[in-house]
Protein backbone atom coordinates (compact mmCIF):
# COMPACT_ATOMS: atom_id res chain seq x y z
CA UNK A 1 2.92 -6.41 24.78
CA UNK A 2 5.09 -5.87 21.77
CA UNK A 3 6.52 -2.48 20.85
CA UNK A 4 9.12 -1.53 18.24
CA UNK A 5 10.70 1.88 17.93
CA UNK A 6 10.39 4.43 15.12
CA UNK A 7 12.89 5.53 16.32
CA UNK A 8 12.17 5.77 20.08
CA UNK A 9 10.90 2.93 22.25
CA UNK A 10 7.32 3.67 23.35
CA UNK A 11 5.36 2.05 26.12
CA UNK A 12 2.18 0.31 25.02
CA UNK A 13 -0.92 2.36 25.69
CA UNK A 14 -4.48 1.03 25.99
CA UNK A 15 -7.00 2.33 23.46
CA UNK A 16 -8.40 5.72 24.41
CA UNK A 17 -11.98 6.51 23.44
CA UNK A 18 -12.66 9.58 21.33
CA UNK A 19 -14.83 12.33 22.74
CA UNK A 20 -18.43 12.17 21.58
CA UNK A 21 -18.47 15.72 20.24
CA UNK A 22 -17.38 17.02 16.83
CA UNK A 23 -15.34 14.79 14.55
CA UNK A 24 -12.22 16.85 15.20
CA UNK A 25 -12.35 16.25 18.95
CA UNK A 26 -8.90 15.98 20.50
CA UNK A 27 -7.92 12.62 22.07
CA UNK A 28 -7.44 11.98 25.74
CA UNK A 29 -4.19 10.08 25.18
CA UNK A 30 -1.21 12.15 26.44
CA UNK A 31 1.05 10.96 23.58
CA UNK A 32 -1.41 11.53 20.74
CA UNK A 33 0.33 11.98 17.36
CA UNK A 34 -0.55 15.35 15.88
CA UNK A 35 -1.31 16.14 12.25
CA UNK A 36 2.02 17.17 10.70
CA UNK A 37 2.66 20.61 9.31
CA UNK A 38 4.28 19.11 6.25
CA UNK A 39 4.73 15.68 4.74
CA UNK A 40 8.01 14.31 3.35
CA UNK A 41 10.39 17.15 4.15
CA UNK A 42 7.97 19.89 3.19
CA UNK A 43 7.01 18.42 -0.17
CA UNK A 44 3.30 18.35 0.68
CA UNK A 45 1.49 20.85 2.89
CA UNK A 46 -1.34 18.87 4.50
CA UNK A 47 -3.54 21.92 4.95
CA UNK A 48 -3.45 22.64 1.25
CA UNK A 49 -3.73 18.97 0.39
CA UNK A 50 -6.85 18.64 2.51
CA UNK A 51 -8.55 21.67 0.93
CA UNK A 52 -7.77 20.44 -2.59
CA UNK A 53 -8.79 16.90 -1.77
CA UNK A 54 -12.13 17.93 -0.26
CA UNK A 55 -12.85 20.07 -3.31
CA UNK A 56 -12.10 17.18 -5.67
CA UNK A 57 -14.22 14.85 -3.59
CA UNK A 58 -17.12 17.32 -3.76
CA UNK A 59 -16.82 17.33 -7.53
CA UNK A 60 -16.77 13.53 -7.54
CA UNK A 61 -19.93 13.42 -5.43
CA UNK A 62 -21.64 15.82 -7.84
CA UNK A 63 -20.60 13.60 -10.74
CA UNK A 64 -22.05 10.59 -8.97
CA UNK A 65 -25.36 12.37 -8.45
CA UNK A 66 -25.39 13.16 -12.16
CA UNK A 67 -25.14 9.46 -12.96
CA UNK A 68 -21.40 9.23 -13.60
CA UNK A 69 -19.75 6.06 -12.24
CA UNK A 70 -17.74 6.45 -9.04
CA UNK A 71 -14.65 4.50 -8.07
CA UNK A 72 -14.70 1.43 -5.91
CA UNK A 73 -13.30 2.07 -2.42
CA UNK A 74 -11.07 -0.62 -0.95
CA UNK A 75 -12.15 -1.58 2.54
CA UNK A 76 -8.59 -2.56 3.46
CA UNK A 77 -5.42 -1.31 1.72
CA UNK A 78 -1.76 -0.42 2.20
CA UNK A 79 -0.91 3.29 1.98
CA UNK A 80 1.86 4.49 -0.32
CA UNK A 81 3.21 8.02 -0.84
CA UNK A 82 1.10 8.17 -4.02
CA UNK A 83 -2.12 7.09 -2.30
CA UNK A 84 -1.55 9.06 0.93
CA UNK A 85 -3.88 11.91 0.00
CA UNK A 86 -6.74 9.75 -1.26
CA UNK A 87 -6.46 7.00 1.34
CA UNK A 88 -6.08 9.18 4.43
CA UNK A 89 -7.05 12.80 3.80
CA UNK A 90 -9.97 12.37 1.39
CA UNK A 91 -11.28 9.14 2.81
CA UNK A 92 -11.36 10.43 6.39
CA UNK A 93 -13.70 13.23 5.30
CA UNK A 94 -16.22 10.50 4.39
CA UNK A 95 -15.80 7.87 7.12
CA UNK A 96 -13.31 7.27 9.94
CA UNK A 97 -10.06 5.75 8.70
CA UNK A 98 -8.47 3.27 11.09
CA UNK A 99 -4.76 3.54 10.30
CA UNK A 100 -2.25 0.98 11.56
CA UNK A 101 1.41 1.95 11.37
CA UNK A 102 3.29 -1.31 11.73
CA UNK A 103 6.24 -3.43 10.68
CA UNK A 104 6.70 -6.91 9.24
CA UNK A 105 9.23 -7.40 12.05
CA UNK A 106 6.50 -6.95 14.65
CA UNK A 107 4.24 -9.88 15.53
CA UNK A 108 1.75 -7.52 17.17
CA UNK A 109 1.60 -5.48 13.95
CA UNK A 110 0.80 -8.58 11.90
CA UNK A 111 -1.91 -9.65 14.34
CA UNK A 112 -3.55 -6.22 14.34
CA UNK A 113 -3.36 -5.96 10.55
CA UNK A 114 -5.05 -9.34 10.08
CA UNK A 115 -7.64 -8.52 12.73
CA UNK A 116 -8.68 -5.18 11.21
CA UNK A 117 -8.59 -6.56 7.65
CA UNK A 118 -10.99 -9.36 8.63
CA UNK A 119 -13.21 -7.05 10.65
CA UNK A 120 -13.71 -4.50 7.86
CA UNK A 121 -14.54 -6.96 5.05
CA UNK A 122 -18.26 -7.47 5.84
CA UNK A 123 -19.20 -8.83 2.37
CA UNK A 124 -22.93 -8.45 3.04
CA UNK A 125 -22.62 -4.71 3.77
CA UNK A 126 -22.73 -2.48 0.65
CA UNK A 127 -20.04 0.14 0.27
CA UNK A 128 -22.32 3.11 1.02
CA UNK A 129 -23.24 1.58 4.40
CA UNK A 130 -19.68 1.09 5.62
CA UNK A 131 -18.92 2.98 8.84
CA UNK A 132 -15.12 2.89 8.53
CA UNK A 133 -12.22 1.67 6.39
CA UNK A 134 -8.82 0.23 7.27
CA UNK A 135 -5.43 1.42 6.03
CA UNK A 136 -1.90 0.20 6.78
CA UNK A 137 1.50 1.91 6.61
CA UNK A 138 4.68 -0.18 6.65
CA UNK A 139 7.03 1.89 8.81
CA UNK A 140 10.06 0.02 7.43
CA UNK A 141 9.21 0.58 3.76
CA UNK A 142 8.04 4.20 4.10
CA UNK A 143 9.44 5.54 7.40
CA UNK A 144 8.91 9.13 6.25
CA UNK A 145 5.13 8.66 6.40
CA UNK A 146 5.27 7.19 9.90
CA UNK A 147 7.48 10.07 11.06
CA UNK A 148 5.24 12.65 9.38
CA UNK A 149 2.29 11.32 11.36
CA UNK A 150 4.24 11.67 14.60
CA UNK A 151 4.41 7.92 15.20
CA UNK A 152 7.30 6.91 17.48
CA UNK A 153 6.70 3.19 17.83
CA UNK A 154 4.95 0.28 16.16
CA UNK A 155 2.34 -0.92 16.19
CA UNK A 156 0.43 2.36 16.51
CA UNK A 157 -3.25 2.60 15.58
CA UNK A 158 -4.84 5.97 14.82
CA UNK A 159 -8.43 6.88 14.03
CA UNK A 160 -8.38 9.66 11.40
CA UNK A 161 -11.48 11.84 11.14
CA UNK A 162 -11.84 14.84 8.83
CA UNK A 163 -8.14 14.78 8.05
CA UNK A 164 -6.92 14.72 11.67
CA UNK A 165 -6.09 12.06 14.29
CA UNK A 166 -9.04 11.76 16.69
CA UNK A 167 -7.62 9.09 19.01
CA UNK A 168 -4.96 6.39 19.04
CA UNK A 169 -3.30 3.56 20.92
CA UNK A 170 0.05 1.76 20.85
CA UNK A 171 1.03 -1.86 21.24
CA UNK A 172 -0.88 -5.13 21.31
CA UNK A 173 -4.33 -5.00 22.92
CA UNK A 174 -7.04 -7.61 23.60
CA UNK A 175 -9.35 -7.92 20.60
CA UNK A 176 -12.43 -7.21 22.69
CA UNK A 177 -10.90 -3.94 23.89
CA UNK A 178 -9.96 -2.96 20.33
CA UNK A 179 -13.52 -3.68 19.15
CA UNK A 180 -14.87 -1.42 21.93
CA UNK A 181 -12.41 1.30 20.90
CA UNK A 182 -13.54 1.05 17.28
CA UNK A 183 -17.21 1.17 18.25
CA UNK A 184 -16.59 4.33 20.28
CA UNK A 185 -14.90 5.94 17.26
CA UNK A 186 -17.90 5.11 15.05
CA UNK A 187 -20.37 6.40 17.64
CA UNK A 188 -18.44 9.65 18.14
CA UNK A 189 -18.81 10.63 14.47
CA UNK A 190 -22.25 9.15 13.83
CA UNK A 191 -24.17 11.49 11.53
CA UNK A 192 -21.28 13.95 11.23
CA UNK A 193 -19.61 12.56 8.07
CA UNK A 194 -21.26 12.03 4.65
CA UNK A 195 -20.23 8.39 4.22
CA UNK A 196 -18.91 6.57 1.16
CA UNK A 197 -20.52 6.73 -2.30
CA UNK A 198 -22.25 3.69 -3.76
CA UNK A 199 -20.01 1.35 -5.73
CA UNK A 200 -20.60 1.20 -9.47
CA UNK A 201 -20.91 -2.51 -10.20
CA UNK A 202 -21.31 -1.97 -13.94
CA UNK A 203 -18.02 -0.10 -14.18
CA UNK A 204 -16.25 -2.80 -12.20
CA UNK A 205 -17.63 -5.52 -14.49
CA UNK A 206 -16.50 -3.62 -17.59
CA UNK A 207 -13.01 -3.19 -16.17
CA UNK A 208 -12.80 -6.83 -15.09
CA UNK A 209 -13.69 -7.94 -18.63
CA UNK A 210 -10.58 -6.17 -19.92
CA UNK A 211 -8.45 -8.26 -17.58
CA UNK A 212 -10.21 -11.39 -18.83
CA UNK A 213 -9.49 -10.42 -22.43
CA UNK A 214 -5.80 -9.87 -21.66
CA UNK A 215 -5.61 -13.19 -19.80
CA UNK A 216 -7.16 -14.93 -22.82
CA UNK A 217 -4.40 -13.48 -25.00
CA UNK A 218 -1.81 -14.93 -22.62
CA UNK A 219 -3.42 -18.36 -22.94
CA UNK A 220 -3.24 -18.00 -26.72
CA UNK A 221 0.49 -17.22 -26.36
CA UNK A 222 -0.09 -13.74 -27.78
CA UNK A 223 2.12 -12.18 -25.14
CA UNK A 224 2.83 -8.88 -26.89
CA UNK A 225 -0.88 -8.30 -27.54
CA UNK A 226 -1.62 -9.07 -23.88
CA UNK A 227 1.06 -6.61 -22.74
CA UNK A 228 -0.51 -3.98 -25.01
CA UNK A 229 -3.91 -4.71 -23.44
CA UNK A 230 -2.48 -4.23 -19.95
CA UNK A 231 -0.80 -1.01 -21.11
CA UNK A 232 -4.19 0.27 -22.31
CA UNK A 233 -5.73 -0.43 -18.89
CA UNK A 234 -2.89 1.42 -17.15
CA UNK A 235 -3.15 4.37 -19.55
CA UNK A 236 -6.90 4.76 -18.95
CA UNK A 237 -7.41 7.66 -16.48
CA UNK A 238 -10.67 6.04 -15.30
CA UNK A 239 -8.95 2.85 -14.17
CA UNK A 240 -9.33 2.50 -10.40
CA UNK A 241 -6.19 1.90 -8.28
CA UNK A 242 -6.95 -1.74 -7.46
CA UNK A 243 -7.52 -2.66 -11.11
CA UNK A 244 -4.34 -0.80 -12.07
CA UNK A 245 -2.37 -2.76 -9.48
CA UNK A 246 -3.78 -6.05 -10.81
CA UNK A 247 -3.02 -5.09 -14.42
CA UNK A 248 0.50 -3.96 -13.55
CA UNK A 249 1.26 -7.24 -11.77
CA UNK A 250 -0.18 -9.28 -14.65
CA UNK A 251 1.82 -7.24 -17.16
CA UNK A 252 5.01 -7.86 -15.18
CA UNK A 253 4.30 -11.59 -15.09
CA UNK A 254 3.69 -11.66 -18.86
CA UNK A 255 7.01 -9.95 -19.55
CA UNK A 256 8.90 -12.11 -17.06
CA UNK A 257 7.35 -15.32 -18.40
CA UNK A 258 8.45 -14.39 -21.90
CA UNK A 259 11.99 -13.66 -20.70
CA UNK A 260 12.28 -16.71 -18.50
CA UNK A 261 11.76 -19.30 -21.22
CA UNK A 262 12.65 -22.73 -19.83
CA UNK A 263 11.76 -22.91 -16.08
CA UNK A 264 14.55 -25.47 -15.57
CA UNK A 265 17.10 -22.85 -16.64
CA UNK A 266 15.76 -20.51 -13.98
CA UNK A 267 16.11 -23.20 -11.31
CA UNK A 268 19.69 -23.80 -12.41
CA UNK A 269 20.34 -20.06 -12.17
CA UNK A 270 19.03 -20.07 -8.58
CA UNK A 271 21.47 -22.85 -7.68
CA UNK A 272 24.36 -21.14 -9.45
CA UNK A 273 23.80 -17.74 -7.86
CA UNK A 274 23.74 -19.35 -4.41
CA UNK A 275 27.30 -20.53 -5.05
CA UNK A 276 28.42 -17.57 -7.17
CA UNK A 277 26.45 -14.46 -6.10
CA UNK A 278 28.56 -12.27 -8.38
CA UNK A 279 27.46 -14.05 -11.58
CA UNK A 280 25.29 -11.30 -13.09
CA UNK A 281 23.71 -13.49 -15.78
CA UNK A 282 22.68 -16.11 -13.23
CA UNK A 283 21.52 -13.41 -10.81
CA UNK A 284 19.35 -11.83 -13.51
CA UNK A 285 17.72 -15.13 -14.47
CA UNK A 286 17.19 -16.05 -10.81
CA UNK A 287 15.73 -12.63 -9.98
CA UNK A 288 13.27 -12.81 -12.86
CA UNK A 289 12.18 -16.33 -11.87
CA UNK A 290 11.61 -15.24 -8.26
CA UNK A 291 9.63 -12.19 -9.40
CA UNK A 292 7.53 -14.42 -11.66
CA UNK A 293 6.75 -16.58 -8.62
CA UNK A 294 5.50 -13.50 -6.77
CA UNK A 295 8.68 -13.18 -4.71
CA UNK A 296 9.92 -9.94 -6.23
CA UNK A 297 11.53 -8.67 -3.01
CA UNK A 298 13.75 -11.77 -2.98
CA UNK A 299 14.45 -11.25 -6.68
CA UNK A 300 15.52 -7.66 -6.05
CA UNK A 301 17.83 -8.84 -3.26
CA UNK A 302 19.55 -11.35 -5.57
CA UNK A 303 20.58 -8.53 -7.92
CA UNK A 304 21.51 -6.22 -5.03
CA UNK A 305 23.72 -9.01 -3.70
CA UNK A 306 25.28 -9.38 -7.16
CA UNK A 307 26.18 -5.69 -6.98
CA UNK A 308 27.85 -6.26 -3.61
CA UNK A 309 30.00 -9.06 -5.08
CA UNK A 310 31.09 -7.29 -8.27
CA UNK A 311 32.91 -4.15 -9.34
CA UNK A 312 33.33 -1.96 -12.40
CA UNK A 313 31.37 -2.91 -15.51
CA UNK A 314 29.85 -6.04 -13.94
CA UNK A 315 28.53 -4.06 -11.00
CA UNK A 316 27.00 -1.51 -13.36
CA UNK A 317 25.46 -4.33 -15.41
CA UNK A 318 23.84 -5.79 -12.28
CA UNK A 319 22.51 -2.33 -11.43
CA UNK A 320 21.01 -1.90 -14.92
CA UNK A 321 19.32 -5.30 -14.71
CA UNK A 322 17.85 -4.31 -11.36
CA UNK A 323 16.59 -0.99 -12.73
CA UNK A 324 14.92 -2.83 -15.61
CA UNK A 325 13.19 -5.09 -13.11
CA UNK A 326 12.01 -2.05 -11.11
CA UNK A 327 10.37 -0.66 -14.25
CA UNK A 328 7.88 -3.54 -14.26
CA UNK A 329 6.36 -2.37 -10.99
CA UNK A 330 4.81 0.71 -9.44
CA UNK A 331 7.50 3.12 -8.26
CA UNK A 332 5.48 3.59 -5.05
CA UNK A 333 5.48 -0.14 -4.29
CA UNK A 334 7.00 -0.48 -0.77
CA UNK A 335 9.15 -3.43 -1.91
CA UNK A 336 10.53 -1.37 -4.80
CA UNK A 337 11.25 1.55 -2.47
CA UNK A 338 13.08 -0.74 -0.01
CA UNK A 339 15.08 -2.37 -2.82
CA UNK A 340 16.09 1.02 -4.22
CA UNK A 341 17.46 1.92 -0.79
CA UNK A 342 19.43 -1.34 -0.70
CA UNK A 343 20.70 -0.71 -4.23
CA UNK A 344 21.97 2.72 -3.22
CA UNK A 345 23.83 1.16 -0.28
CA UNK A 346 25.37 -1.49 -2.55
CA UNK A 347 26.80 1.16 -4.87
CA UNK A 348 29.38 2.23 -2.29
């Protein structure tokens, strides 16, 4: 079984079943991660966060009963510092949240992530009938969240119920055993949590049409109008997180496509920067082309590498180009966070 440290090397543990009592039942596992007193060096008190989150969720439920559209809930999603409260604290007061803390360096993490993501999809099951949701934390991109949850090794899987860990296991496990563990979690809280609200299909269709309109503007080569349309979606407080992420990515692609111009020039820049990593102009063009291809992490690294191979004004210019590229994406994006860390290292 595979285990990777964060930062200590754990031994893999088989899944432990939750007790069948109240949702906050304590696990039988001797190394159960406990709910932290504070998150991110005291920036967020989880007790206060939970109280505020539950209150907001109650208001949202009341709005739904009054006929106001409610947000779509992703069945599977990555957790960021910005979504931590909604994805883990709020959501676990509705249904159990199966949280995997893993790493791209861990084969067992990738297998568990794919397994849970497939298992939770259930396209024929409406949102309000879902018994659980799946969330993932990349321990490499956001180690502070893994540490705040008391996780010492990856992969670690926790079942969060009512804002607290109910049970957990570490390391790779047979799929049949994991399915039995999940079923025991669901049975333990059956009838004790309110469940998810119904999805508002009409609201989703209206929001999707805005993306279609922006895409049509791109096809008409009205790039600036399309960017303005994406900006309007992002500025709308009623835009759900998944739509915002889609709009932000499309906006970035529109800007990058306009900057890139001739694709052949971008390919030439890739070749040049491979031979001359300190050429800031080539690095910028190559980074933008990679980002446009959906390989933004590689694009960030090209500019970070340019910083490592330059000094003085050229190094500062590479840094400014990298910062401009960051601005196209969500600041909480794990790849942006990782690249910012690399940029800081390259400064010295």
